[in-house]
Amino acid sequence: MSKFRPFDYLTESEKNEVLSYEAKLQNSKSVKEFIEIERILKDYRSLGIARRHFKEMENILKSAGDSDDDEESSNYRTMIKVK
């Protein structure tokens, strides 16, 4: 069984931002700065988790044969994918 990695669900630019913040975290000079960077990284983890759950729900709906053509579903998909 493969291990879930939230960052696999981020875009390339988001992954680059995470790497940048991780480097800043290593060089943080104050507790306040460290906590702020940790919060940002946690937000990226949460984004990856949300995208994974969305993908799982999308797969469940597809396997159940539900159509994803209605406007409400399309709007919801767009809302989730937007950062």
N, C-alpha and C. Protein backbone atom coordinates (compact mmCIF):
# COMPACT_ATOMS: atom_id res chain seq x y z
N MET A 1 0.85 -1.17 0.00
CA MET A 1 0.00 0.00 0.00
C MET A 1 0.90 1.24 0.00
N SER A 2 0.58 2.17 -0.89
CA SER A 2 1.40 3.38 -0.97
C SER A 2 0.98 4.36 0.11
N LYS A 3 1.95 5.13 0.54
CA LYS A 3 1.72 6.12 1.59
C LYS A 3 1.14 7.39 0.96
N PHE A 4 0.12 7.93 1.58
CA PHE A 4 -0.49 9.16 1.09
C PHE A 4 0.44 10.34 1.35
N ARG A 5 0.68 11.10 0.29
CA ARG A 5 1.50 12.30 0.40
C ARG A 5 0.69 13.48 -0.15
N PRO A 6 0.23 14.36 0.72
CA PRO A 6 -0.64 15.47 0.28
C PRO A 6 -0.01 16.32 -0.82
N PHE A 7 1.30 16.45 -0.80
CA PHE A 7 1.94 17.32 -1.78
C PHE A 7 1.89 16.75 -3.19
N ASP A 8 1.55 15.47 -3.33
CA ASP A 8 1.37 14.89 -4.66
C ASP A 8 0.16 15.50 -5.36
N TYR A 9 -0.73 16.11 -4.61
CA TYR A 9 -1.95 16.69 -5.16
C TYR A 9 -1.83 18.19 -5.40
N LEU A 10 -0.63 18.73 -5.28
CA LEU A 10 -0.40 20.15 -5.55
C LEU A 10 0.11 20.33 -6.97
N THR A 11 -0.09 21.52 -7.50
CA THR A 11 0.46 21.85 -8.82
C THR A 11 1.97 22.04 -8.69
N GLU A 12 2.65 22.08 -9.81
CA GLU A 12 4.10 22.27 -9.78
C GLU A 12 4.48 23.59 -9.12
N SER A 13 3.76 24.65 -9.42
CA SER A 13 4.10 25.95 -8.81
C SER A 13 3.85 25.92 -7.30
N GLU A 14 2.80 25.23 -6.88
CA GLU A 14 2.54 25.10 -5.44
C GLU A 14 3.63 24.27 -4.77
N LYS A 15 4.09 23.22 -5.44
CA LYS A 15 5.18 22.41 -4.88
C LYS A 15 6.45 23.24 -4.74
N ASN A 16 6.71 24.10 -5.73
CA ASN A 16 7.89 24.97 -5.65
C ASN A 16 7.77 25.95 -4.49
N GLU A 17 6.56 26.47 -4.27
CA GLU A 17 6.34 27.36 -3.13
C GLU A 17 6.59 26.63 -1.82
N VAL A 18 6.12 25.39 -1.73
CA VAL A 18 6.33 24.60 -0.51
C VAL A 18 7.82 24.41 -0.26
N LEU A 19 8.57 24.07 -1.31
CA LEU A 19 10.01 23.90 -1.16
C LEU A 19 10.67 25.20 -0.68
N SER A 20 10.20 26.31 -1.21
CA SER A 20 10.73 27.61 -0.79
C SER A 20 10.44 27.87 0.69
N TYR A 21 9.22 27.59 1.10
CA TYR A 21 8.86 27.79 2.51
C TYR A 21 9.62 26.83 3.43
N GLU A 22 9.85 25.60 2.96
CA GLU A 22 10.61 24.66 3.78
C GLU A 22 12.04 25.15 3.99
N ALA A 23 12.62 25.74 2.94
CA ALA A 23 13.97 26.31 3.08
C ALA A 23 13.95 27.49 4.05
N LYS A 24 12.93 28.33 3.95
CA LYS A 24 12.80 29.46 4.87
C LYS A 24 12.63 28.98 6.31
N LEU A 25 11.92 27.87 6.46
CA LEU A 25 11.68 27.31 7.79
C LEU A 25 13.01 26.92 8.45
N GLN A 26 13.91 26.34 7.66
CA GLN A 26 15.21 25.93 8.18
C GLN A 26 16.04 27.13 8.64
N ASN A 27 15.79 28.28 8.02
CA ASN A 27 16.58 29.48 8.34
C ASN A 27 15.80 30.53 9.12
N SER A 28 14.65 30.14 9.67
CA SER A 28 13.84 31.11 10.39
C SER A 28 14.61 31.64 11.60
N LYS A 29 14.45 32.92 11.84
CA LYS A 29 15.23 33.58 12.88
C LYS A 29 14.44 33.83 14.16
N SER A 30 13.13 33.67 14.08
CA SER A 30 12.31 33.92 15.27
C SER A 30 11.20 32.88 15.37
N VAL A 31 10.67 32.77 16.56
CA VAL A 31 9.57 31.84 16.79
C VAL A 31 8.35 32.26 15.97
N LYS A 32 8.10 33.56 15.92
CA LYS A 32 6.96 34.08 15.17
C LYS A 32 7.07 33.70 13.69
N GLU A 33 8.25 33.87 13.12
CA GLU A 33 8.47 33.51 11.72
C GLU A 33 8.29 32.01 11.51
N PHE A 34 8.83 31.21 12.41
CA PHE A 34 8.71 29.76 12.34
C PHE A 34 7.24 29.33 12.36
N ILE A 35 6.48 29.90 13.28
CA ILE A 35 5.06 29.55 13.42
C ILE A 35 4.28 29.95 12.16
N GLU A 36 4.57 31.11 11.61
CA GLU A 36 3.88 31.57 10.40
C GLU A 36 4.17 30.64 9.22
N ILE A 37 5.42 30.24 9.06
CA ILE A 37 5.78 29.34 7.96
C ILE A 37 5.14 27.97 8.16
N GLU A 38 5.12 27.49 9.38
CA GLU A 38 4.45 26.21 9.69
C GLU A 38 2.97 26.28 9.34
N ARG A 39 2.33 27.40 9.62
CA ARG A 39 0.91 27.58 9.29
C ARG A 39 0.69 27.51 7.79
N ILE A 40 1.57 28.16 7.04
CA ILE A 40 1.46 28.15 5.58
C ILE A 40 1.63 26.72 5.05
N LEU A 41 2.62 26.01 5.56
CA LEU A 41 2.85 24.63 5.13
C LEU A 41 1.66 23.74 5.49
N LYS A 42 1.07 23.98 6.65
CA LYS A 42 -0.12 23.21 7.05
C LYS A 42 -1.28 23.49 6.09
N ASP A 43 -1.42 24.73 5.66
CA ASP A 43 -2.46 25.08 4.69
C ASP A 43 -2.26 24.32 3.38
N TYR A 44 -1.02 24.20 2.93
CA TYR A 44 -0.74 23.44 1.71
C TYR A 44 -1.07 21.96 1.91
N ARG A 45 -0.75 21.41 3.08
CA ARG A 45 -1.12 20.02 3.37
C ARG A 45 -2.63 19.84 3.33
N SER A 46 -3.34 20.77 3.92
CA SER A 46 -4.80 20.72 3.92
C SER A 46 -5.36 20.81 2.51
N LEU A 47 -4.76 21.63 1.68
CA LEU A 47 -5.18 21.75 0.29
C LEU A 47 -5.00 20.42 -0.44
N GLY A 48 -3.86 19.77 -0.23
CA GLY A 48 -3.62 18.47 -0.85
C GLY A 48 -4.62 17.43 -0.39
N ILE A 49 -4.92 17.44 0.90
CA ILE A 49 -5.90 16.48 1.45
C ILE A 49 -7.28 16.73 0.86
N ALA A 50 -7.67 18.00 0.76
CA ALA A 50 -8.98 18.33 0.19
C ALA A 50 -9.06 17.90 -1.26
N ARG A 51 -8.00 18.10 -2.01
CA ARG A 51 -8.00 17.68 -3.42
C ARG A 51 -8.08 16.16 -3.54
N ARG A 52 -7.41 15.45 -2.65
CA ARG A 52 -7.49 13.98 -2.67
C ARG A 52 -8.92 13.52 -2.40
N HIS A 53 -9.55 14.10 -1.39
CA HIS A 53 -10.94 13.73 -1.07
C HIS A 53 -11.87 14.06 -2.23
N PHE A 54 -11.65 15.20 -2.86
CA PHE A 54 -12.47 15.57 -4.00
C PHE A 54 -12.30 14.56 -5.13
N LYS A 55 -11.06 14.16 -5.38
CA LYS A 55 -10.79 13.18 -6.44
C LYS A 55 -11.46 11.85 -6.11
N GLU A 56 -11.40 11.43 -4.85
CA GLU A 56 -12.06 10.18 -4.44
C GLU A 56 -13.57 10.27 -4.66
N MET A 57 -14.17 11.39 -4.29
CA MET A 57 -15.62 11.56 -4.48
C MET A 57 -15.97 11.58 -5.97
N GLU A 58 -15.14 12.22 -6.76
CA GLU A 58 -15.36 12.26 -8.20
C GLU A 58 -15.33 10.84 -8.77
N ASN A 59 -14.38 10.02 -8.32
CA ASN A 59 -14.28 8.64 -8.79
C ASN A 59 -15.49 7.82 -8.36
N ILE A 60 -15.95 8.03 -7.14
CA ILE A 60 -17.14 7.31 -6.65
C ILE A 60 -18.35 7.66 -7.50
N LEU A 61 -18.53 8.95 -7.79
CA LEU A 61 -19.66 9.37 -8.61
C LEU A 61 -19.57 8.81 -10.02
N LYS A 62 -18.38 8.79 -10.58
CA LYS A 62 -18.20 8.23 -11.92
C LYS A 62 -18.51 6.75 -11.94
N SER A 63 -18.06 6.04 -10.92
CA SER A 63 -18.31 4.59 -10.88
C SER A 63 -19.78 4.29 -10.64
N ALA A 64 -20.50 5.22 -10.00
CA ALA A 64 -21.93 5.04 -9.76
C ALA A 64 -22.74 5.41 -11.00
N GLY A 65 -22.07 6.01 -11.98
CA GLY A 65 -22.74 6.36 -13.22
C GLY A 65 -23.43 7.70 -13.20
N ASP A 66 -23.18 8.50 -12.18
CA ASP A 66 -23.78 9.83 -12.13
C ASP A 66 -23.15 10.73 -13.18
N SER A 67 -23.97 11.53 -13.80
CA SER A 67 -23.48 12.48 -14.79
C SER A 67 -22.92 13.69 -14.07
N ASP A 68 -21.85 14.21 -14.60
CA ASP A 68 -21.23 15.40 -14.01
C ASP A 68 -21.43 16.60 -14.92
N ASP A 69 -22.51 16.56 -15.70
CA ASP A 69 -22.73 17.59 -16.70
C ASP A 69 -23.53 18.78 -16.20
N ASP A 70 -24.16 18.67 -15.05
CA ASP A 70 -24.98 19.78 -14.61
C ASP A 70 -24.13 20.95 -14.14
N GLU A 71 -24.70 22.12 -14.19
CA GLU A 71 -23.96 23.36 -13.90
C GLU A 71 -23.47 23.42 -12.46
N GLU A 72 -24.26 22.95 -11.52
CA GLU A 72 -23.88 23.01 -10.11
C GLU A 72 -22.63 22.18 -9.86
N SER A 73 -22.55 20.98 -10.42
CA SER A 73 -21.37 20.13 -10.25
C SER A 73 -20.15 20.77 -10.87
N SER A 74 -20.33 21.37 -12.03
CA SER A 74 -19.23 22.04 -12.71
C SER A 74 -18.71 23.21 -11.88
N ASN A 75 -19.62 23.99 -11.31
CA ASN A 75 -19.21 25.12 -10.47
C ASN A 75 -18.48 24.65 -9.22
N TYR A 76 -18.94 23.56 -8.63
CA TYR A 76 -18.30 23.02 -7.42
C TYR A 76 -16.89 22.55 -7.74
N ARG A 77 -16.71 21.84 -8.86
CA ARG A 77 -15.38 21.37 -9.27
C ARG A 77 -14.45 22.56 -9.44
N THR A 78 -14.92 23.60 -10.09
CA THR A 78 -14.10 24.79 -10.32
C THR A 78 -13.72 25.43 -9.00
N MET A 79 -14.65 25.52 -8.07
CA MET A 79 -14.40 26.14 -6.77
C MET A 79 -13.32 25.37 -6.00
N ILE A 80 -13.36 24.05 -6.03
CA ILE A 80 -12.39 23.23 -5.30
C ILE A 80 -11.00 23.36 -5.90
N LYS A 81 -10.91 23.44 -7.22
CA LYS A 81 -9.60 23.47 -7.88
C LYS A 81 -8.92 24.82 -7.78
N VAL A 82 -9.68 25.86 -7.53
CA VAL A 82 -9.11 27.20 -7.40
C VAL A 82 -8.49 27.33 -6.03
N LYS A 83 -7.33 27.88 -5.97
CA LYS A 83 -6.62 28.02 -4.69
C LYS A 83 -7.19 29.12 -3.87
